[in-house]
Amino acid sequence: MKNINNYILTAIVSLVLVVATSFLMTAADEPIRQAGYYLPVVFGAVGTWAAGKAGLLKLDYEERTARSNAHAAA
């Protein structure tokens, strides 16, 4: 499997960063509060992309092993 572990790690780190940056929404300063509105969206998009890419790599791996098993059985 190519580099699915990198994508899974990226998704987990992005999830942690979404939770951490969501606490910026309660900051007293206005610029930090504005960043608290947008940063979770950015990290959520990165996490969603990484999780989707990992899922597609897993499906590709399963299809490839099923194809090779069917070829070996014939």
PDB file of N, CA and C in Angstrom:
ATOM      1  N   MET A   1       0.852  -1.167   0.000  1.00  0.00           N
ATOM      2  CA  MET A   1       0.000   0.000   0.000  1.00  0.00           C
ATOM      3  C   MET A   1       0.896   1.228   0.000  1.00  0.00           C
ATOM      4  N   LYS A   2       0.614   2.073  -0.913  1.00  0.00           N
ATOM      5  CA  LYS A   2       1.470   3.213  -1.225  1.00  0.00           C
ATOM      6  C   LYS A   2       1.870   3.990   0.032  1.00  0.00           C
ATOM      7  N   ASN A   3       1.200   5.024   0.354  1.00  0.00           N
ATOM      8  CA  ASN A   3       1.514   5.821   1.540  1.00  0.00           C
ATOM      9  C   ASN A   3       0.229   6.167   2.280  1.00  0.00           C
ATOM     10  N   ILE A   4      -0.576   5.160   2.510  1.00  0.00           N
ATOM     11  CA  ILE A   4      -1.859   5.371   3.186  1.00  0.00           C
ATOM     12  C   ILE A   4      -1.637   5.842   4.622  1.00  0.00           C
ATOM     13  N   ASN A   5      -0.533   5.409   5.230  1.00  0.00           N
ATOM     14  CA  ASN A   5      -0.270   5.831   6.607  1.00  0.00           C
ATOM     15  C   ASN A   5      -0.064   7.334   6.706  1.00  0.00           C
ATOM     16  N   ASN A   6       0.544   7.927   5.690  1.00  0.00           N
ATOM     17  CA  ASN A   6       0.724   9.383   5.691  1.00  0.00           C
ATOM     18  C   ASN A   6      -0.617  10.099   5.632  1.00  0.00           C
ATOM     19  N   TYR A   7      -1.524   9.591   4.812  1.00  0.00           N
ATOM     20  CA  TYR A   7      -2.843  10.218   4.709  1.00  0.00           C
ATOM     21  C   TYR A   7      -3.647  10.052   5.993  1.00  0.00           C
ATOM     22  N   ILE A   8      -3.552   8.890   6.611  1.00  0.00           N
ATOM     23  CA  ILE A   8      -4.264   8.671   7.871  1.00  0.00           C
ATOM     24  C   ILE A   8      -3.704   9.576   8.962  1.00  0.00           C
ATOM     25  N   LEU A   9      -2.385   9.696   9.029  1.00  0.00           N
ATOM     26  CA  LEU A   9      -1.773  10.580  10.013  1.00  0.00           C
ATOM     27  C   LEU A   9      -2.162  12.036   9.765  1.00  0.00           C
ATOM     28  N   THR A  10      -2.204  12.442   8.498  1.00  0.00           N
ATOM     29  CA  THR A  10      -2.624  13.805   8.167  1.00  0.00           C
ATOM     30  C   THR A  10      -4.062  14.055   8.599  1.00  0.00           C
ATOM     31  N   ALA A  11      -4.938  13.083   8.393  1.00  0.00           N
ATOM     32  CA  ALA A  11      -6.336  13.238   8.807  1.00  0.00           C
ATOM     33  C   ALA A  11      -6.459  13.353  10.322  1.00  0.00           C
ATOM     34  N   ILE A  12      -5.695  12.564  11.055  1.00  0.00           N
ATOM     35  CA  ILE A  12      -5.760  12.613  12.521  1.00  0.00           C
ATOM     36  C   ILE A  12      -5.227  13.942  13.044  1.00  0.00           C
ATOM     37  N   VAL A  13      -4.094  14.384  12.501  1.00  0.00           N
ATOM     38  CA  VAL A  13      -3.516  15.665  12.939  1.00  0.00           C
ATOM     39  C   VAL A  13      -4.466  16.810  12.593  1.00  0.00           C
ATOM     40  N   SER A  14      -5.101  16.751  11.431  1.00  0.00           N
ATOM     41  CA  SER A  14      -6.054  17.802  11.054  1.00  0.00           C
ATOM     42  C   SER A  14      -7.246  17.828  11.999  1.00  0.00           C
ATOM     43  N   LEU A  15      -7.707  16.664  12.414  1.00  0.00           N
ATOM     44  CA  LEU A  15      -8.814  16.616  13.361  1.00  0.00           C
ATOM     45  C   LEU A  15      -8.425  17.255  14.684  1.00  0.00           C
ATOM     46  N   VAL A  16      -7.224  16.968  15.152  1.00  0.00           N
ATOM     47  CA  VAL A  16      -6.752  17.577  16.404  1.00  0.00           C
ATOM     48  C   VAL A  16      -6.634  19.090  16.239  1.00  0.00           C
ATOM     49  N   LEU A  17      -6.138  19.534  15.088  1.00  0.00           N
ATOM     50  CA  LEU A  17      -6.006  20.975  14.856  1.00  0.00           C
ATOM     51  C   LEU A  17      -7.366  21.663  14.737  1.00  0.00           C
ATOM     52  N   VAL A  18      -8.359  20.975  14.199  1.00  0.00           N
ATOM     53  CA  VAL A  18      -9.708  21.548  14.141  1.00  0.00           C
ATOM     54  C   VAL A  18     -10.227  21.791  15.547  1.00  0.00           C
ATOM     55  N   VAL A  19     -10.050  20.815  16.406  1.00  0.00           N
ATOM     56  CA  VAL A  19     -10.521  20.966  17.784  1.00  0.00           C
ATOM     57  C   VAL A  19      -9.736  22.068  18.499  1.00  0.00           C
ATOM     58  N   ALA A  20      -8.424  22.094  18.295  1.00  0.00           N
ATOM     59  CA  ALA A  20      -7.601  23.106  18.975  1.00  0.00           C
ATOM     60  C   ALA A  20      -7.926  24.516  18.494  1.00  0.00           C
ATOM     61  N   THR A  21      -8.098  24.705  17.195  1.00  0.00           N
ATOM     62  CA  THR A  21      -8.366  26.047  16.689  1.00  0.00           C
ATOM     63  C   THR A  21      -9.804  26.487  16.920  1.00  0.00           C
ATOM     64  N   SER A  22     -10.682  25.554  17.185  1.00  0.00           N
ATOM     65  CA  SER A  22     -12.055  25.973  17.467  1.00  0.00           C
ATOM     66  C   SER A  22     -12.152  26.731  18.796  1.00  0.00           C
ATOM     67  N   PHE A  23     -11.189  26.540  19.677  1.00  0.00           N
ATOM     68  CA  PHE A  23     -11.169  27.288  20.924  1.00  0.00           C
ATOM     69  C   PHE A  23     -10.773  28.735  20.705  1.00  0.00           C
ATOM     70  N   LEU A  24     -10.240  29.063  19.528  1.00  0.00           N
ATOM     71  CA  LEU A  24      -9.911  30.461  19.232  1.00  0.00           C
ATOM     72  C   LEU A  24     -11.162  31.315  19.063  1.00  0.00           C
ATOM     73  N   MET A  25     -12.316  30.683  18.867  1.00  0.00           N
ATOM     74  CA  MET A  25     -13.556  31.434  18.687  1.00  0.00           C
ATOM     75  C   MET A  25     -13.963  32.184  19.954  1.00  0.00           C
ATOM     76  N   THR A  26     -13.401  31.784  21.078  1.00  0.00           N
ATOM     77  CA  THR A  26     -13.753  32.440  22.342  1.00  0.00           C
ATOM     78  C   THR A  26     -12.701  33.457  22.775  1.00  0.00           C
ATOM     79  N   ALA A  27     -11.755  33.777  21.892  1.00  0.00           N
ATOM     80  CA  ALA A  27     -10.682  34.711  22.246  1.00  0.00           C
ATOM     81  C   ALA A  27     -11.232  36.121  22.414  1.00  0.00           C
ATOM     82  N   ALA A  28     -10.524  36.908  23.178  1.00  0.00           N
ATOM     83  CA  ALA A  28     -10.967  38.275  23.442  1.00  0.00           C
ATOM     84  C   ALA A  28     -10.634  39.217  22.288  1.00  0.00           C
ATOM     85  N   ASP A  29      -9.524  38.976  21.611  1.00  0.00           N
ATOM     86  CA  ASP A  29      -9.103  39.857  20.518  1.00  0.00           C
ATOM     87  C   ASP A  29      -9.842  39.505  19.235  1.00  0.00           C
ATOM     88  N   GLU A  30     -10.230  40.538  18.498  1.00  0.00           N
ATOM     89  CA  GLU A  30     -11.002  40.343  17.268  1.00  0.00           C
ATOM     90  C   GLU A  30     -10.230  39.604  16.171  1.00  0.00           C
ATOM     91  N   PRO A  31      -8.958  39.917  15.881  1.00  0.00           N
ATOM     92  CA  PRO A  31      -8.261  39.185  14.815  1.00  0.00           C
ATOM     93  C   PRO A  31      -8.093  37.695  15.119  1.00  0.00           C
ATOM     94  N   ILE A  32      -7.857  37.397  16.386  1.00  0.00           N
ATOM     95  CA  ILE A  32      -7.716  35.985  16.757  1.00  0.00           C
ATOM     96  C   ILE A  32      -9.065  35.278  16.646  1.00  0.00           C
ATOM     97  N   ARG A  33     -10.134  35.962  17.010  1.00  0.00           N
ATOM     98  CA  ARG A  33     -11.466  35.380  16.884  1.00  0.00           C
ATOM     99  C   ARG A  33     -11.823  35.139  15.425  1.00  0.00           C
ATOM    100  N   GLN A  34     -11.425  36.064  14.538  1.00  0.00           N
ATOM    101  CA  GLN A  34     -11.663  35.871  13.100  1.00  0.00           C
ATOM    102  C   GLN A  34     -10.908  34.650  12.590  1.00  0.00           C
ATOM    103  N   ALA A  35      -9.675  34.467  13.042  1.00  0.00           N
ATOM    104  CA  ALA A  35      -8.911  33.280  12.650  1.00  0.00           C
ATOM    105  C   ALA A  35      -9.578  32.013  13.170  1.00  0.00           C
ATOM    106  N   GLY A  36     -10.205  32.122  14.320  1.00  0.00           N
ATOM    107  CA  GLY A  36     -10.910  30.978  14.889  1.00  0.00           C
ATOM    108  C   GLY A  36     -12.116  30.557  14.070  1.00  0.00           C
ATOM    109  N   TYR A  37     -12.636  31.450  13.244  1.00  0.00           N
ATOM    110  CA  TYR A  37     -13.757  31.091  12.384  1.00  0.00           C
ATOM    111  C   TYR A  37     -13.302  30.362  11.125  1.00  0.00           C
ATOM    112  N   TYR A  38     -12.135  30.717  10.614  1.00  0.00           N
ATOM    113  CA  TYR A  38     -11.701  30.187   9.320  1.00  0.00           C
ATOM    114  C   TYR A  38     -10.725  29.022   9.412  1.00  0.00           C
ATOM    115  N   LEU A  39      -9.873  28.998  10.418  1.00  0.00           N
ATOM    116  CA  LEU A  39      -8.891  27.922  10.518  1.00  0.00           C
ATOM    117  C   LEU A  39      -9.511  26.536  10.680  1.00  0.00           C
ATOM    118  N   PRO A  40     -10.553  26.343  11.487  1.00  0.00           N
ATOM    119  CA  PRO A  40     -11.152  25.005  11.544  1.00  0.00           C
ATOM    120  C   PRO A  40     -11.701  24.544  10.196  1.00  0.00           C
ATOM    121  N   VAL A  41     -12.193  25.481   9.391  1.00  0.00           N
ATOM    122  CA  VAL A  41     -12.697  25.110   8.070  1.00  0.00           C
ATOM    123  C   VAL A  41     -11.549  24.625   7.185  1.00  0.00           C
ATOM    124  N   VAL A  42     -10.423  25.321   7.247  1.00  0.00           N
ATOM    125  CA  VAL A  42      -9.263  24.934   6.435  1.00  0.00           C
ATOM    126  C   VAL A  42      -8.733  23.573   6.877  1.00  0.00           C
ATOM    127  N   PHE A  43      -8.557  23.391   8.174  1.00  0.00           N
ATOM    128  CA  PHE A  43      -8.055  22.112   8.662  1.00  0.00           C
ATOM    129  C   PHE A  43      -9.067  20.993   8.424  1.00  0.00           C
ATOM    130  N   GLY A  44     -10.338  21.302   8.491  1.00  0.00           N
ATOM    131  CA  GLY A  44     -11.360  20.302   8.184  1.00  0.00           C
ATOM    132  C   GLY A  44     -11.320  19.879   6.730  1.00  0.00           C
ATOM    133  N   ALA A  45     -11.080  20.830   5.842  1.00  0.00           N
ATOM    134  CA  ALA A  45     -10.971  20.493   4.412  1.00  0.00           C
ATOM    135  C   ALA A  45      -9.749  19.625   4.153  1.00  0.00           C
ATOM    136  N   VAL A  46      -8.639  19.938   4.790  1.00  0.00           N
ATOM    137  CA  VAL A  46      -7.426  19.121   4.627  1.00  0.00           C
ATOM    138  C   VAL A  46      -7.649  17.717   5.187  1.00  0.00           C
ATOM    139  N   GLY A  47      -8.285  17.624   6.330  1.00  0.00           N
ATOM    140  CA  GLY A  47      -8.579  16.316   6.927  1.00  0.00           C
ATOM    141  C   GLY A  47      -9.524  15.490   6.086  1.00  0.00           C
ATOM    142  N   THR A  48     -10.531  16.143   5.521  1.00  0.00           N
ATOM    143  CA  THR A  48     -11.473  15.442   4.664  1.00  0.00           C
ATOM    144  C   THR A  48     -10.789  14.924   3.406  1.00  0.00           C
ATOM    145  N   TRP A  49      -9.923  15.757   2.824  1.00  0.00           N
ATOM    146  CA  TRP A  49      -9.186  15.332   1.636  1.00  0.00           C
ATOM    147  C   TRP A  49      -8.285  14.141   1.957  1.00  0.00           C
ATOM    148  N   ALA A  50      -7.574  14.197   3.080  1.00  0.00           N
ATOM    149  CA  ALA A  50      -6.658  13.121   3.442  1.00  0.00           C
ATOM    150  C   ALA A  50      -7.409  11.825   3.740  1.00  0.00           C
ATOM    151  N   ALA A  51      -8.533  11.916   4.431  1.00  0.00           N
ATOM    152  CA  ALA A  51      -9.312  10.720   4.730  1.00  0.00           C
ATOM    153  C   ALA A  51      -9.904  10.122   3.459  1.00  0.00           C
ATOM    154  N   GLY A  52     -10.362  10.964   2.563  1.00  0.00           N
ATOM    155  CA  GLY A  52     -10.880  10.463   1.287  1.00  0.00           C
ATOM    156  C   GLY A  52      -9.811   9.800   0.448  1.00  0.00           C
ATOM    157  N   LYS A  53      -8.632  10.402   0.404  1.00  0.00           N
ATOM    158  CA  LYS A  53      -7.524   9.830  -0.353  1.00  0.00           C
ATOM    159  C   LYS A  53      -7.095   8.498   0.248  1.00  0.00           C
ATOM    160  N   ALA A  54      -7.068   8.382   1.574  1.00  0.00           N
ATOM    161  CA  ALA A  54      -6.722   7.121   2.227  1.00  0.00           C
ATOM    162  C   ALA A  54      -7.763   6.053   1.916  1.00  0.00           C
ATOM    163  N   GLY A  55      -9.034   6.437   1.907  1.00  0.00           N
ATOM    164  CA  GLY A  55     -10.082   5.478   1.566  1.00  0.00           C
ATOM    165  C   GLY A  55      -9.979   4.987   0.135  1.00  0.00           C
ATOM    166  N   LEU A  56      -9.653   5.895  -0.780  1.00  0.00           N
ATOM    167  CA  LEU A  56      -9.488   5.487  -2.174  1.00  0.00           C
ATOM    168  C   LEU A  56      -8.272   4.581  -2.356  1.00  0.00           C
ATOM    169  N   LEU A  57      -7.193   4.852  -1.646  1.00  0.00           N
ATOM    170  CA  LEU A  57      -6.032   3.976  -1.716  1.00  0.00           C
ATOM    171  C   LEU A  57      -6.343   2.590  -1.168  1.00  0.00           C
ATOM    172  N   LYS A  58      -7.132   2.529  -0.102  1.00  0.00           N
ATOM    173  CA  LYS A  58      -7.520   1.239   0.472  1.00  0.00           C
ATOM    174  C   LYS A  58      -8.380   0.454  -0.510  1.00  0.00           C
ATOM    175  N   LEU A  59      -9.322   1.118  -1.175  1.00  0.00           N
ATOM    176  CA  LEU A  59     -10.144   0.433  -2.170  1.00  0.00           C
ATOM    177  C   LEU A  59      -9.309  -0.072  -3.333  1.00  0.00           C
ATOM    178  N   ASP A  60      -8.356   0.739  -3.777  1.00  0.00           N
ATOM    179  CA  ASP A  60      -7.486   0.330  -4.862  1.00  0.00           C
ATOM    180  C   ASP A  60      -6.659  -0.887  -4.467  1.00  0.00           C
ATOM    181  N   TYR A  61      -6.173  -0.904  -3.237  1.00  0.00           N
ATOM    182  CA  TYR A  61      -5.390  -2.037  -2.745  1.00  0.00           C
ATOM    183  C   TYR A  61      -6.239  -3.299  -2.696  1.00  0.00           C
ATOM    184  N   GLU A  62      -7.474  -3.179  -2.200  1.00  0.00           N
ATOM    185  CA  GLU A  62      -8.347  -4.347  -2.119  1.00  0.00           C
ATOM    186  C   GLU A  62      -8.701  -4.881  -3.496  1.00  0.00           C
ATOM    187  N   GLU A  63      -8.941  -3.997  -4.460  1.00  0.00           N
ATOM    188  CA  GLU A  63      -9.242  -4.443  -5.809  1.00  0.00           C
ATOM    189  C   GLU A  63      -8.048  -5.156  -6.428  1.00  0.00           C
ATOM    190  N   ARG A  64      -6.867  -4.641  -6.199  1.00  0.00           N
ATOM    191  CA  ARG A  64      -5.673  -5.247  -6.767  1.00  0.00           C
ATOM    192  C   ARG A  64      -5.420  -6.636  -6.189  1.00  0.00           C
ATOM    193  N   THR A  65      -5.609  -6.814  -4.863  1.00  0.00           N
ATOM    194  CA  THR A  65      -5.392  -8.132  -4.261  1.00  0.00           C
ATOM    195  C   THR A  65      -6.470  -9.113  -4.685  1.00  0.00           C
ATOM    196  N   ALA A  66      -7.715  -8.622  -4.842  1.00  0.00           N
ATOM    197  CA  ALA A  66      -8.783  -9.517  -5.296  1.00  0.00           C
ATOM    198  C   ALA A  66      -8.533  -9.973  -6.725  1.00  0.00           C
ATOM    199  N   ARG A  67      -8.033  -9.073  -7.559  1.00  0.00           N
ATOM    200  CA  ARG A  67      -7.738  -9.414  -8.944  1.00  0.00           C
ATOM    201  C   ARG A  67      -6.606 -10.431  -9.022  1.00  0.00           C
ATOM    202  N   SER A  68      -5.569 -10.249  -8.199  1.00  0.00           N
ATOM    203  CA  SER A  68      -4.444 -11.184  -8.243  1.00  0.00           C
ATOM    204  C   SER A  68      -4.836 -12.539  -7.655  1.00  0.00           C
ATOM    205  N   ASN A  69      -5.716 -12.559  -6.653  1.00  0.00           N
ATOM    206  CA  ASN A  69      -6.190 -13.818  -6.105  1.00  0.00           C
ATOM    207  C   ASN A  69      -7.059 -14.567  -7.116  1.00  0.00           C
ATOM    208  N   ALA A  70      -7.889 -13.846  -7.832  1.00  0.00           N
ATOM    209  CA  ALA A  70      -8.729 -14.479  -8.850  1.00  0.00           C
ATOM    210  C   ALA A  70      -7.872 -15.002  -9.996  1.00  0.00           C
ATOM    211  N   HIS A  71      -6.834 -14.295 -10.339  1.00  0.00           N
ATOM    212  CA  HIS A  71      -5.943 -14.735 -11.406  1.00  0.00           C
ATOM    213  C   HIS A  71      -5.159 -15.979 -10.977  1.00  0.00           C
ATOM    214  N   ALA A  72      -4.754 -16.038  -9.717  1.00  0.00           N
ATOM    215  CA  ALA A  72      -4.013 -17.191  -9.220  1.00  0.00           C
ATOM    216  C   ALA A  72      -4.906 -18.424  -9.099  1.00  0.00           C
ATOM    217  N   ALA A  73      -6.184 -18.211  -8.841  1.00  0.00           N
ATOM    218  CA  ALA A  73      -7.111 -19.341  -8.695  1.00  0.00           C
ATOM    219  C   ALA A  73      -7.465 -19.955 -10.038  1.00  0.00           C
ATOM    220  N   ALA A  74      -7.337 -19.198 -11.103  1.00  0.00           N
ATOM    221  CA  ALA A  74      -7.734 -19.709 -12.424  1.00  0.00           C
ATOM    222  C   ALA A  74      -6.715 -20.580 -13.059  1.00  0.00           C
TER     223      ALA A  74
END
